[in-house]
Amino acid sequence: MHKLIILETLKPFIEKEGSLLSRKNIKVLTALSGEEILKIHRAEHVNLIITELKMPDIDGDKLCSLIRNDEVLRKVSLIIICDNDKSDIDRCEACGVNAFITKPVNSEDIFSNIRKFLYVLDRKDLRALYHEDVKCKSGDNIFFAKADNLSSSGILIHSDQVLEKESKISCSFYIEGHPVTVNGKIVRVQKKPPGTYCYGVQFVRVAILTQVRIDKFIENF
């Protein structure tokens, strides 16, 4: 079972997804302060901590530094929520945090990072065969591609369209009769004869309901 500590003030952002987190075998622990986060982490050795940069006792960047300098506690992923200004962002980047999210924050921001650091890491190699048409949009170019397989974090498609690596792309397809649209970027390009290109698309900021449908499809394959 994965263990997650989240600051009490951030708990409302994950309450709607509580049952989903439970199904994903994630134990959610809450803390009221930086000191309590440290106390719980020492006892539980959690996998992920989500906190704020500014707290009344220990600021998030100092908390991160304390954890990173502790041989026992350092093996944990940390996410800090901060204001969208340069000084706060600089503090987050300097302290060794795995990721930071700038305010205003929402449930999708939180949940996508929980997936990134917990669930997807467990299932990143699990793919389901998926041979369906995919409507794609990259820039002003709209075209249809054929899918080869689908994972929790991406889709493999092939098309005669020429696209560059790192290009942004939107993919629309059906999961068990439900239409879904996912934004992503092309992380792999392979040319296949005759004149066909294979593209590995990594999903970016997937909507919660869409992610649930994709994950369920993968699990049931």
Protein backbone atom coordinates (compact mmCIF):
# COMPACT_ATOMS: atom_id res chain seq x y z
CA MET A 1 0.00 0.00 0.00
CA HIS A 2 1.20 3.48 -0.88
CA LYS A 3 1.06 6.15 1.82
CA LEU A 4 0.41 9.83 1.26
CA ILE A 5 0.57 12.79 3.67
CA ILE A 6 -1.36 15.89 2.68
CA LEU A 7 -1.63 19.13 4.61
CA GLU A 8 -5.08 19.52 6.16
CA THR A 9 -5.75 22.78 4.30
CA LEU A 10 -5.31 20.94 1.00
CA LYS A 11 -7.53 17.98 1.87
CA PRO A 12 -10.69 19.42 0.23
CA PHE A 13 -8.95 19.14 -3.14
CA ILE A 14 -8.83 15.34 -2.89
CA GLU A 15 -12.01 14.58 -0.95
CA LYS A 16 -14.07 14.02 -4.11
CA GLU A 17 -11.47 11.48 -5.25
CA GLY A 18 -11.20 9.76 -1.87
CA SER A 19 -12.93 6.56 -2.96
CA LEU A 20 -10.79 6.42 -6.09
CA LEU A 21 -7.62 6.78 -4.03
CA SER A 22 -8.85 3.96 -1.81
CA ARG A 23 -9.36 1.72 -4.82
CA LYS A 24 -5.84 2.50 -5.95
CA ASN A 25 -4.53 1.16 -2.63
CA ILE A 26 -3.41 4.56 -1.33
CA LYS A 27 -3.62 5.40 2.38
CA VAL A 28 -4.19 9.14 2.89
CA LEU A 29 -2.86 10.74 6.08
CA THR A 30 -3.43 14.39 7.01
CA ALA A 31 -1.28 16.79 9.02
CA LEU A 32 -1.89 20.25 10.46
CA SER A 33 1.70 21.50 10.32
CA GLY A 34 5.20 20.86 9.08
CA GLU A 35 6.18 19.38 12.43
CA GLU A 36 3.29 16.93 12.24
CA ILE A 37 4.27 15.97 8.70
CA LEU A 38 7.75 15.10 9.97
CA LYS A 39 6.31 13.14 12.90
CA ILE A 40 3.98 11.10 10.69
CA HIS A 41 6.66 10.48 8.08
CA ARG A 42 9.09 9.20 10.73
CA ALA A 43 6.45 6.74 11.92
CA GLU A 44 4.93 5.72 8.59
CA HIS A 45 7.73 6.21 6.01
CA VAL A 46 5.28 7.52 3.42
CA ASN A 47 5.75 7.60 -0.35
CA LEU A 48 4.45 11.10 -1.09
CA ILE A 49 4.06 14.37 0.83
CA ILE A 50 1.91 17.26 -0.43
CA THR A 51 2.28 20.49 1.51
CA GLU A 52 2.30 24.27 1.18
CA LEU A 53 5.31 26.53 0.94
CA LYS A 54 4.14 28.87 3.69
CA MET A 55 3.22 27.28 7.02
CA PRO A 56 3.17 28.72 10.55
CA ASP A 57 5.89 26.48 12.00
CA ILE A 58 8.15 25.12 9.24
CA ASP A 59 7.92 26.44 5.70
CA GLY A 60 7.64 23.85 2.96
CA ASP A 61 11.09 24.49 1.50
CA LYS A 62 12.75 24.09 4.91
CA LEU A 63 10.72 20.94 5.54
CA CYS A 64 11.91 19.56 2.21
CA SER A 65 15.55 20.37 3.03
CA LEU A 66 15.25 18.67 6.43
CA ILE A 67 13.84 15.54 4.82
CA ARG A 68 16.40 15.47 2.00
CA ASN A 69 19.25 15.71 4.52
CA ASP A 70 17.95 12.79 6.59
CA GLU A 71 19.27 9.39 5.46
CA VAL A 72 16.14 7.62 6.70
CA LEU A 73 13.46 10.06 5.56
CA ARG A 74 14.81 11.24 2.21
CA LYS A 75 13.31 8.47 0.06
CA VAL A 76 9.99 10.23 -0.48
CA SER A 77 8.46 12.38 -3.22
CA LEU A 78 7.50 15.92 -2.20
CA ILE A 79 5.08 18.36 -3.84
CA ILE A 80 4.78 21.96 -2.65
CA ILE A 81 1.89 24.33 -3.33
CA CYS A 82 3.06 27.94 -3.68
CA ASP A 83 1.99 31.37 -4.88
CA ASN A 84 2.55 32.14 -8.54
CA ASP A 85 5.40 34.59 -8.05
CA LYS A 86 9.11 34.36 -8.81
CA SER A 87 10.35 34.37 -5.21
CA ASP A 88 8.13 31.44 -4.19
CA ILE A 89 8.95 29.49 -7.34
CA ASP A 90 12.69 30.07 -6.81
CA ARG A 91 12.39 28.75 -3.25
CA CYS A 92 10.65 25.61 -4.47
CA GLU A 93 13.19 24.98 -7.21
CA ALA A 94 16.10 25.38 -4.79
CA CYS A 95 14.98 23.01 -2.03
CA GLY A 96 14.96 19.67 -3.84
CA VAL A 97 11.21 19.24 -4.18
CA ASN A 98 9.98 16.81 -6.85
CA ALA A 99 7.28 19.15 -8.14
CA PHE A 100 5.51 22.36 -7.27
CA ILE A 101 2.04 23.59 -8.15
CA THR A 102 1.26 27.29 -8.30
CA LYS A 103 -1.98 28.79 -7.03
CA PRO A 104 -4.82 28.85 -7.84
CA VAL A 105 -4.75 25.08 -7.47
CA ASN A 106 -7.53 22.63 -8.25
CA SER A 107 -8.32 18.95 -7.77
CA GLU A 108 -7.01 18.00 -11.20
CA ASP A 109 -3.61 19.55 -10.43
CA ILE A 110 -3.36 17.60 -7.18
CA PHE A 111 -4.66 14.32 -8.54
CA SER A 112 -2.51 14.32 -11.66
CA ASN A 113 0.57 14.66 -9.46
CA ILE A 114 -0.59 11.88 -7.15
CA ARG A 115 -0.84 9.69 -10.24
CA LYS A 116 2.54 10.82 -11.48
CA PHE A 117 4.40 9.95 -8.29
CA LEU A 118 2.42 6.94 -7.09
CA TYR A 119 0.03 5.10 -9.36
CA VAL A 120 1.59 5.59 -12.79
CA LEU A 121 5.01 4.56 -11.51
CA ASP A 122 3.55 1.15 -10.66
CA ARG A 123 1.82 0.71 -14.00
CA LYS A 124 3.97 2.60 -16.48
CA ASP A 125 4.86 -0.58 -18.42
CA LEU A 126 1.31 -1.96 -18.58
CA ARG A 127 -0.27 -1.41 -22.00
CA ALA A 128 -3.48 -2.62 -23.57
CA LEU A 129 -3.92 -3.34 -27.26
CA TYR A 130 -6.16 -0.65 -28.70
CA HIS A 131 -6.73 -0.65 -32.46
CA GLU A 132 -9.17 2.22 -32.91
CA ASP A 133 -9.35 5.46 -34.87
CA VAL A 134 -8.05 8.55 -33.09
CA LYS A 135 -8.92 12.09 -34.14
CA CYS A 136 -5.80 14.22 -33.67
CA LYS A 137 -5.12 17.93 -33.67
CA SER A 138 -1.61 19.38 -33.68
CA GLY A 139 -1.50 23.12 -34.20
CA ASP A 140 -3.91 23.86 -37.06
CA ASN A 141 -3.51 20.35 -38.47
CA ILE A 142 -6.48 18.01 -37.89
CA PHE A 143 -6.17 14.39 -39.00
CA PHE A 144 -7.10 10.81 -38.15
CA ALA A 145 -4.59 8.26 -36.89
CA LYS A 146 -4.80 4.60 -35.93
CA ALA A 147 -4.00 3.56 -32.37
CA ASP A 148 -1.77 0.58 -31.63
CA ASN A 149 -1.90 0.47 -27.84
CA LEU A 150 -2.98 2.49 -24.83
CA SER A 151 -1.44 2.94 -21.38
CA SER A 152 -2.37 4.89 -18.28
CA SER A 153 0.04 7.64 -19.30
CA GLY A 154 -0.02 7.65 -23.10
CA ILE A 155 -1.05 6.23 -26.45
CA LEU A 156 0.86 4.84 -29.43
CA ILE A 157 -0.55 5.93 -32.80
CA HIS A 158 0.50 5.73 -36.45
CA SER A 159 -0.29 8.08 -39.31
CA ASP A 160 1.06 9.40 -42.60
CA GLN A 161 1.22 12.90 -41.07
CA VAL A 162 4.71 14.28 -40.40
CA LEU A 163 5.06 15.62 -36.85
CA GLU A 164 8.05 16.68 -34.80
CA LYS A 165 9.09 15.28 -31.44
CA GLU A 166 7.86 17.47 -28.54
CA SER A 167 4.92 18.69 -30.63
CA LYS A 168 1.73 19.28 -28.68
CA ILE A 169 -1.17 17.09 -29.75
CA SER A 170 -4.80 16.52 -28.81
CA CYS A 171 -6.20 13.00 -29.19
CA SER A 172 -9.93 12.20 -29.24
CA PHE A 173 -11.14 8.59 -29.11
CA TYR A 174 -13.67 6.30 -27.45
CA ILE A 175 -13.22 4.22 -24.30
CA GLU A 176 -15.98 1.61 -24.00
CA GLY A 177 -18.42 3.90 -25.78
CA HIS A 178 -17.43 7.06 -23.94
CA PRO A 179 -15.81 9.88 -25.93
CA VAL A 180 -12.59 11.19 -24.38
CA THR A 181 -10.16 13.90 -25.40
CA VAL A 182 -6.65 14.00 -23.99
CA ASN A 183 -3.93 16.59 -24.48
CA GLY A 184 -0.38 15.38 -24.77
CA LYS A 185 3.00 15.74 -26.41
CA ILE A 186 4.91 13.55 -28.82
CA VAL A 187 7.82 11.92 -27.01
CA ARG A 188 8.82 9.33 -29.63
CA VAL A 189 8.89 9.35 -33.44
CA GLN A 190 9.63 6.31 -35.60
CA LYS A 191 9.37 6.17 -39.38
CA LYS A 192 7.75 3.03 -40.77
CA PRO A 193 7.62 2.07 -44.44
CA PRO A 194 5.91 2.97 -46.64
CA GLY A 195 5.54 6.61 -45.58
CA THR A 196 4.00 5.94 -42.19
CA TYR A 197 5.10 7.41 -38.87
CA CYS A 198 4.65 5.90 -35.43
CA TYR A 199 4.20 8.41 -32.59
CA GLY A 200 4.42 7.83 -28.87
CA VAL A 201 2.16 10.37 -27.18
CA GLN A 202 2.54 11.17 -23.49
CA PHE A 203 -0.62 12.47 -21.82
CA VAL A 204 -0.50 15.85 -20.07
CA ARG A 205 -2.98 17.04 -17.39
CA VAL A 206 -5.66 14.42 -17.94
CA ALA A 207 -9.15 15.20 -16.61
CA ILE A 208 -10.01 13.03 -13.62
CA LEU A 209 -13.02 11.26 -15.17
CA THR A 210 -11.06 10.58 -18.36
CA GLN A 211 -8.18 9.12 -16.37
CA VAL A 212 -10.56 6.87 -14.44
CA ARG A 213 -12.00 5.51 -17.69
CA ILE A 214 -8.56 4.89 -19.19
CA ASP A 215 -7.28 3.21 -16.02
CA LYS A 216 -10.35 0.99 -15.82
CA PHE A 217 -9.90 -0.04 -19.46
CA ILE A 218 -6.24 -0.92 -18.83
CA GLU A 219 -7.04 -2.89 -15.68
CA ASN A 220 -9.78 -4.90 -17.40
CA PHE A 221 -7.76 -5.71 -20.51
